[in-house]
N, C-alpha and C. Protein backbone atom coordinates (compact mmCIF):
# COMPACT_ATOMS: atom_id res chain seq x y z
N MET A 1 181.77 149.01 104.84
CA MET A 1 180.63 149.19 103.96
C MET A 1 179.36 149.08 104.79
N GLY A 2 178.39 149.95 104.54
CA GLY A 2 177.16 150.00 105.32
C GLY A 2 176.14 148.98 104.85
N ILE A 3 175.07 148.94 105.58
CA ILE A 3 173.97 148.05 105.25
C ILE A 3 173.16 148.68 104.11
N ALA A 4 172.80 147.88 103.13
CA ALA A 4 171.98 148.38 102.03
C ALA A 4 170.58 148.68 102.56
N ARG A 5 170.08 149.88 102.25
CA ARG A 5 168.79 150.30 102.76
C ARG A 5 167.91 150.78 101.62
N THR A 6 166.62 150.74 101.85
CA THR A 6 165.64 151.17 100.87
C THR A 6 164.55 151.96 101.58
N SER A 7 163.77 152.72 100.83
CA SER A 7 162.74 153.58 101.42
C SER A 7 161.36 152.95 101.37
N TYR A 8 160.61 153.20 102.44
CA TYR A 8 159.21 152.82 102.53
C TYR A 8 158.43 154.09 102.83
N VAL A 9 157.25 154.25 102.19
CA VAL A 9 156.50 155.50 102.28
C VAL A 9 155.08 155.24 102.76
N CYS A 10 154.57 156.18 103.57
CA CYS A 10 153.17 156.20 103.99
C CYS A 10 152.58 157.51 103.47
N PRO A 11 151.88 157.48 102.31
CA PRO A 11 151.31 158.73 101.77
C PRO A 11 150.32 159.43 102.70
N PRO A 12 149.42 158.72 103.42
CA PRO A 12 148.51 159.46 104.30
C PRO A 12 149.23 160.25 105.40
N CYS A 13 150.32 159.71 105.92
CA CYS A 13 151.09 160.40 106.97
C CYS A 13 152.13 161.35 106.39
N ARG A 14 152.37 161.24 105.09
CA ARG A 14 153.42 162.03 104.43
C ARG A 14 154.77 161.80 105.11
N ALA A 15 155.11 160.54 105.24
CA ALA A 15 156.34 160.18 105.92
C ALA A 15 157.03 159.04 105.18
N SER A 16 158.35 158.97 105.32
CA SER A 16 159.10 157.87 104.73
C SER A 16 160.17 157.41 105.70
N TRP A 17 160.55 156.15 105.57
CA TRP A 17 161.56 155.56 106.42
C TRP A 17 162.52 154.75 105.59
N LYS A 18 163.79 154.77 105.98
CA LYS A 18 164.79 153.91 105.36
C LYS A 18 164.89 152.65 106.21
N ARG A 19 164.78 151.52 105.56
CA ARG A 19 164.88 150.23 106.23
C ARG A 19 165.77 149.33 105.38
N GLY A 20 166.25 148.26 105.99
CA GLY A 20 167.03 147.29 105.24
C GLY A 20 166.14 146.57 104.24
N PHE A 21 166.74 146.04 103.18
CA PHE A 21 165.97 145.28 102.21
C PHE A 21 165.38 144.05 102.90
N PRO A 22 164.21 143.58 102.46
CA PRO A 22 163.61 142.40 103.08
C PRO A 22 164.52 141.18 102.95
N GLU A 23 164.57 140.40 103.99
CA GLU A 23 165.32 139.14 103.97
C GLU A 23 164.56 138.15 103.08
N PRO A 24 165.23 137.08 102.62
CA PRO A 24 164.54 136.12 101.74
C PRO A 24 163.26 135.54 102.35
N GLY A 25 163.20 135.32 103.64
CA GLY A 25 162.01 134.77 104.27
C GLY A 25 160.91 135.79 104.52
N GLU A 26 161.22 137.08 104.33
CA GLU A 26 160.26 138.15 104.59
C GLU A 26 159.53 138.62 103.34
N ALA A 27 159.66 137.91 102.24
CA ALA A 27 159.15 138.40 100.96
C ALA A 27 157.66 138.74 101.01
N GLY A 28 156.84 137.98 101.71
CA GLY A 28 155.41 138.24 101.74
C GLY A 28 154.98 139.13 102.89
N ARG A 29 155.91 139.49 103.75
CA ARG A 29 155.57 140.29 104.93
C ARG A 29 155.34 141.75 104.55
N THR A 30 154.25 142.32 105.05
CA THR A 30 153.94 143.72 104.79
C THR A 30 154.45 144.56 105.93
N ARG A 31 155.17 145.61 105.60
CA ARG A 31 155.64 146.55 106.63
C ARG A 31 154.54 147.57 106.86
N VAL A 32 154.35 147.96 108.12
CA VAL A 32 153.27 148.89 108.45
C VAL A 32 153.84 150.20 108.99
N CYS A 33 153.08 151.26 108.81
CA CYS A 33 153.47 152.58 109.27
C CYS A 33 153.43 152.62 110.79
N PRO A 34 154.48 153.12 111.44
CA PRO A 34 154.47 153.22 112.90
C PRO A 34 153.50 154.29 113.42
N ARG A 35 153.04 155.17 112.54
CA ARG A 35 152.11 156.23 112.97
C ARG A 35 150.65 155.80 112.85
N CYS A 36 150.26 155.26 111.68
CA CYS A 36 148.84 154.97 111.44
C CYS A 36 148.53 153.49 111.25
N ALA A 37 149.54 152.64 111.22
CA ALA A 37 149.42 151.19 111.07
C ALA A 37 148.90 150.76 109.70
N GLU A 38 148.91 151.66 108.72
CA GLU A 38 148.56 151.30 107.34
C GLU A 38 149.78 150.66 106.68
N PRO A 39 149.59 149.85 105.63
CA PRO A 39 150.74 149.26 104.94
C PRO A 39 151.61 150.33 104.29
N LEU A 40 152.93 150.14 104.39
CA LEU A 40 153.88 151.04 103.75
C LEU A 40 154.09 150.60 102.30
N ILE A 41 154.41 151.55 101.44
CA ILE A 41 154.70 151.27 100.04
C ILE A 41 156.21 151.31 99.85
N HIS A 42 156.75 150.26 99.25
CA HIS A 42 158.19 150.23 98.98
C HIS A 42 158.47 151.19 97.83
N ALA A 43 159.24 152.25 98.09
CA ALA A 43 159.48 153.29 97.08
C ALA A 43 160.78 153.08 96.31
N GLY A 44 161.74 152.37 96.87
CA GLY A 44 163.01 152.15 96.18
C GLY A 44 164.18 152.77 96.92
N SER A 45 165.36 152.45 96.46
CA SER A 45 166.56 152.84 97.20
C SER A 45 167.03 154.26 96.95
N VAL A 46 166.60 154.91 95.86
CA VAL A 46 167.05 156.28 95.58
C VAL A 46 165.91 157.28 95.73
N PHE A 47 164.94 156.96 96.56
CA PHE A 47 163.78 157.83 96.78
C PHE A 47 164.15 158.99 97.69
N ALA A 48 163.63 160.17 97.35
CA ALA A 48 163.76 161.36 98.19
C ALA A 48 162.36 161.94 98.37
N ALA A 49 161.89 161.98 99.60
CA ALA A 49 160.53 162.43 99.88
C ALA A 49 160.39 163.94 99.73
N PRO A 50 159.24 164.40 99.24
CA PRO A 50 158.99 165.85 99.24
C PRO A 50 158.79 166.33 100.67
N ALA A 51 158.87 167.63 100.87
CA ALA A 51 158.62 168.18 102.20
C ALA A 51 157.19 167.85 102.63
N ARG A 52 156.98 167.65 103.91
CA ARG A 52 155.66 167.28 104.41
C ARG A 52 154.59 168.31 104.04
N ARG A 53 154.94 169.57 103.95
CA ARG A 53 153.97 170.62 103.63
C ARG A 53 153.74 170.78 102.13
N ASP A 54 154.45 170.06 101.29
CA ASP A 54 154.34 170.15 99.83
C ASP A 54 153.15 169.31 99.35
N ASP A 55 151.96 169.90 99.37
CA ASP A 55 150.74 169.18 98.99
C ASP A 55 150.81 168.63 97.57
N GLU A 56 151.22 169.47 96.64
CA GLU A 56 151.27 169.06 95.24
C GLU A 56 152.27 167.93 95.02
N GLY A 57 153.43 168.02 95.66
CA GLY A 57 154.45 166.97 95.54
C GLY A 57 153.95 165.63 96.06
N TRP A 58 153.24 165.64 97.17
CA TRP A 58 152.73 164.39 97.74
C TRP A 58 151.59 163.82 96.90
N ARG A 59 150.76 164.67 96.30
CA ARG A 59 149.70 164.16 95.42
C ARG A 59 150.32 163.49 94.19
N ALA A 60 151.32 164.13 93.60
CA ALA A 60 152.00 163.54 92.43
C ALA A 60 152.69 162.24 92.82
N LEU A 61 153.36 162.23 93.97
CA LEU A 61 154.05 161.03 94.43
C LEU A 61 153.08 159.88 94.68
N THR A 62 151.93 160.16 95.25
CA THR A 62 150.95 159.12 95.53
C THR A 62 150.46 158.47 94.24
N VAL A 63 150.24 159.28 93.19
CA VAL A 63 149.83 158.72 91.90
C VAL A 63 150.94 157.81 91.35
N LEU A 64 152.18 158.26 91.43
CA LEU A 64 153.31 157.45 90.94
C LEU A 64 153.40 156.12 91.67
N LEU A 65 153.36 156.16 92.99
CA LEU A 65 153.50 154.93 93.77
C LEU A 65 152.33 153.97 93.53
N ASN A 66 151.12 154.51 93.42
CA ASN A 66 149.96 153.66 93.17
C ASN A 66 149.96 153.08 91.76
N ALA A 67 150.65 153.72 90.83
CA ALA A 67 150.78 153.21 89.47
C ALA A 67 151.89 152.16 89.36
N GLY A 68 152.66 151.99 90.43
CA GLY A 68 153.72 151.00 90.42
C GLY A 68 155.09 151.54 90.07
N VAL A 69 155.23 152.85 89.96
CA VAL A 69 156.53 153.46 89.65
C VAL A 69 157.37 153.46 90.92
N ARG A 70 158.62 153.01 90.81
CA ARG A 70 159.53 152.97 91.95
C ARG A 70 160.78 153.77 91.64
N PHE A 71 161.54 154.06 92.66
CA PHE A 71 162.73 154.90 92.55
C PHE A 71 163.95 154.02 92.79
N ARG A 72 164.43 153.40 91.72
CA ARG A 72 165.59 152.52 91.80
C ARG A 72 166.65 153.05 90.85
N THR A 73 167.90 152.69 91.12
CA THR A 73 168.98 153.11 90.23
C THR A 73 168.84 152.42 88.89
N SER A 74 169.33 153.06 87.87
CA SER A 74 169.23 152.49 86.53
C SER A 74 170.51 151.78 86.13
N GLY A 75 171.15 151.14 87.08
CA GLY A 75 172.37 150.40 86.78
C GLY A 75 173.52 150.85 87.65
N CYS A 76 174.71 150.44 87.29
CA CYS A 76 175.89 150.73 88.08
C CYS A 76 176.50 152.10 87.77
N ASP A 77 175.90 152.84 86.86
CA ASP A 77 176.48 154.13 86.48
C ASP A 77 176.12 155.25 87.45
N GLY A 78 175.24 154.99 88.43
CA GLY A 78 174.91 155.98 89.44
C GLY A 78 174.04 157.12 88.93
N ARG A 79 173.28 156.91 87.86
CA ARG A 79 172.46 157.97 87.29
C ARG A 79 171.16 158.21 88.06
N GLY A 80 170.85 157.40 89.02
CA GLY A 80 169.61 157.58 89.76
C GLY A 80 168.44 156.89 89.09
N ALA A 81 167.24 157.29 89.48
CA ALA A 81 166.04 156.62 89.01
C ALA A 81 165.52 157.14 87.68
N GLY A 82 166.08 158.20 87.16
CA GLY A 82 165.57 158.77 85.92
C GLY A 82 164.49 159.81 86.21
N TYR A 83 163.77 160.19 85.18
CA TYR A 83 162.76 161.24 85.32
C TYR A 83 161.55 160.74 86.10
N ARG A 84 161.05 161.58 87.00
CA ARG A 84 159.79 161.35 87.71
C ARG A 84 159.08 162.70 87.79
N PRO A 85 157.77 162.77 87.43
CA PRO A 85 157.06 164.04 87.52
C PRO A 85 156.94 164.50 88.97
N ARG A 86 157.04 165.80 89.19
CA ARG A 86 156.98 166.36 90.54
C ARG A 86 155.74 167.19 90.79
N THR A 87 154.99 167.51 89.74
CA THR A 87 153.81 168.34 89.93
C THR A 87 152.57 167.60 89.41
N VAL A 88 151.43 168.03 89.90
CA VAL A 88 150.17 167.43 89.48
C VAL A 88 149.93 167.69 87.99
N ARG A 89 150.34 168.85 87.51
CA ARG A 89 150.19 169.18 86.09
C ARG A 89 150.95 168.19 85.22
N GLU A 90 152.20 167.88 85.57
CA GLU A 90 152.99 166.92 84.81
C GLU A 90 152.35 165.53 84.85
N VAL A 91 151.79 165.16 85.99
CA VAL A 91 151.12 163.86 86.12
C VAL A 91 149.90 163.83 85.21
N ARG A 92 149.08 164.89 85.24
CA ARG A 92 147.87 164.95 84.40
C ARG A 92 148.21 164.85 82.92
N GLU A 93 149.26 165.55 82.49
CA GLU A 93 149.67 165.50 81.08
C GLU A 93 150.03 164.08 80.67
N ARG A 94 150.75 163.38 81.52
CA ARG A 94 151.18 162.02 81.20
C ARG A 94 150.02 161.03 81.26
N LEU A 95 149.08 161.24 82.18
CA LEU A 95 147.90 160.37 82.24
C LEU A 95 147.03 160.57 81.00
N ALA A 96 146.89 161.82 80.55
CA ALA A 96 146.13 162.10 79.33
C ALA A 96 146.80 161.45 78.12
N TYR A 97 148.12 161.53 78.06
CA TYR A 97 148.88 160.90 76.97
C TYR A 97 148.65 159.40 76.98
N ALA A 98 148.69 158.78 78.16
CA ALA A 98 148.47 157.34 78.28
C ALA A 98 147.07 156.97 77.79
N GLY A 99 146.08 157.78 78.13
CA GLY A 99 144.72 157.52 77.69
C GLY A 99 144.55 157.65 76.19
N ARG A 100 145.21 158.65 75.58
CA ARG A 100 145.11 158.87 74.13
C ARG A 100 145.80 157.79 73.33
N THR A 101 146.97 157.36 73.80
CA THR A 101 147.80 156.46 72.99
C THR A 101 147.72 155.00 73.38
N GLY A 102 147.15 154.71 74.54
CA GLY A 102 147.10 153.33 75.00
C GLY A 102 148.40 152.87 75.65
N THR A 103 149.30 153.79 75.90
CA THR A 103 150.55 153.48 76.59
C THR A 103 150.23 153.12 78.04
N PRO A 104 150.87 152.09 78.62
CA PRO A 104 150.63 151.79 80.03
C PRO A 104 150.94 153.01 80.91
N VAL A 105 150.14 153.21 81.93
CA VAL A 105 150.25 154.39 82.79
C VAL A 105 151.64 154.50 83.40
N ALA A 106 152.19 153.41 83.93
CA ALA A 106 153.50 153.45 84.57
C ALA A 106 154.58 153.90 83.58
N GLU A 107 154.47 153.48 82.32
CA GLU A 107 155.45 153.89 81.30
C GLU A 107 155.28 155.37 80.95
N ALA A 108 154.04 155.81 80.82
CA ALA A 108 153.78 157.21 80.45
C ALA A 108 154.24 158.17 81.55
N LEU A 109 154.11 157.75 82.81
CA LEU A 109 154.48 158.63 83.92
C LEU A 109 155.97 158.92 83.98
N VAL A 110 156.80 158.05 83.47
CA VAL A 110 158.25 158.25 83.57
C VAL A 110 158.88 158.79 82.29
N LEU A 111 158.04 159.20 81.32
CA LEU A 111 158.58 159.81 80.10
C LEU A 111 159.09 161.21 80.41
N PRO A 112 160.35 161.52 80.11
CA PRO A 112 160.87 162.86 80.39
C PRO A 112 160.17 163.95 79.57
N GLU A 113 159.87 163.63 78.31
CA GLU A 113 159.17 164.58 77.44
C GLU A 113 158.11 163.82 76.66
N LEU A 114 156.97 164.44 76.52
CA LEU A 114 155.90 163.80 75.75
C LEU A 114 156.10 164.07 74.26
N PRO A 115 155.88 163.06 73.43
CA PRO A 115 156.04 163.26 71.99
C PRO A 115 154.97 164.18 71.42
């Protein structure tokens, strides 16, 4: 059995790395990007990065990560992280919905369909 790994992302560099989960003593330690030395964002274990040239995908991903949305499995059934918007248009629709209804942004961003 392999080592459990998770993804860390640097949106300015448009890069991601798989690393081992933090050890219990490393909980407060910030991981930094090897390219620009900015703090990395923990994206989750089932994260798949968009292509580096995909401007729209990276803009949508940056909004998700900054809102606190992570890419983790939804249990032992192997279904993955669930719905995540991939385009700026989908992100804008969900942000507008959150503003209209008072729904928290992180919850609105992961709705598969808007009511």
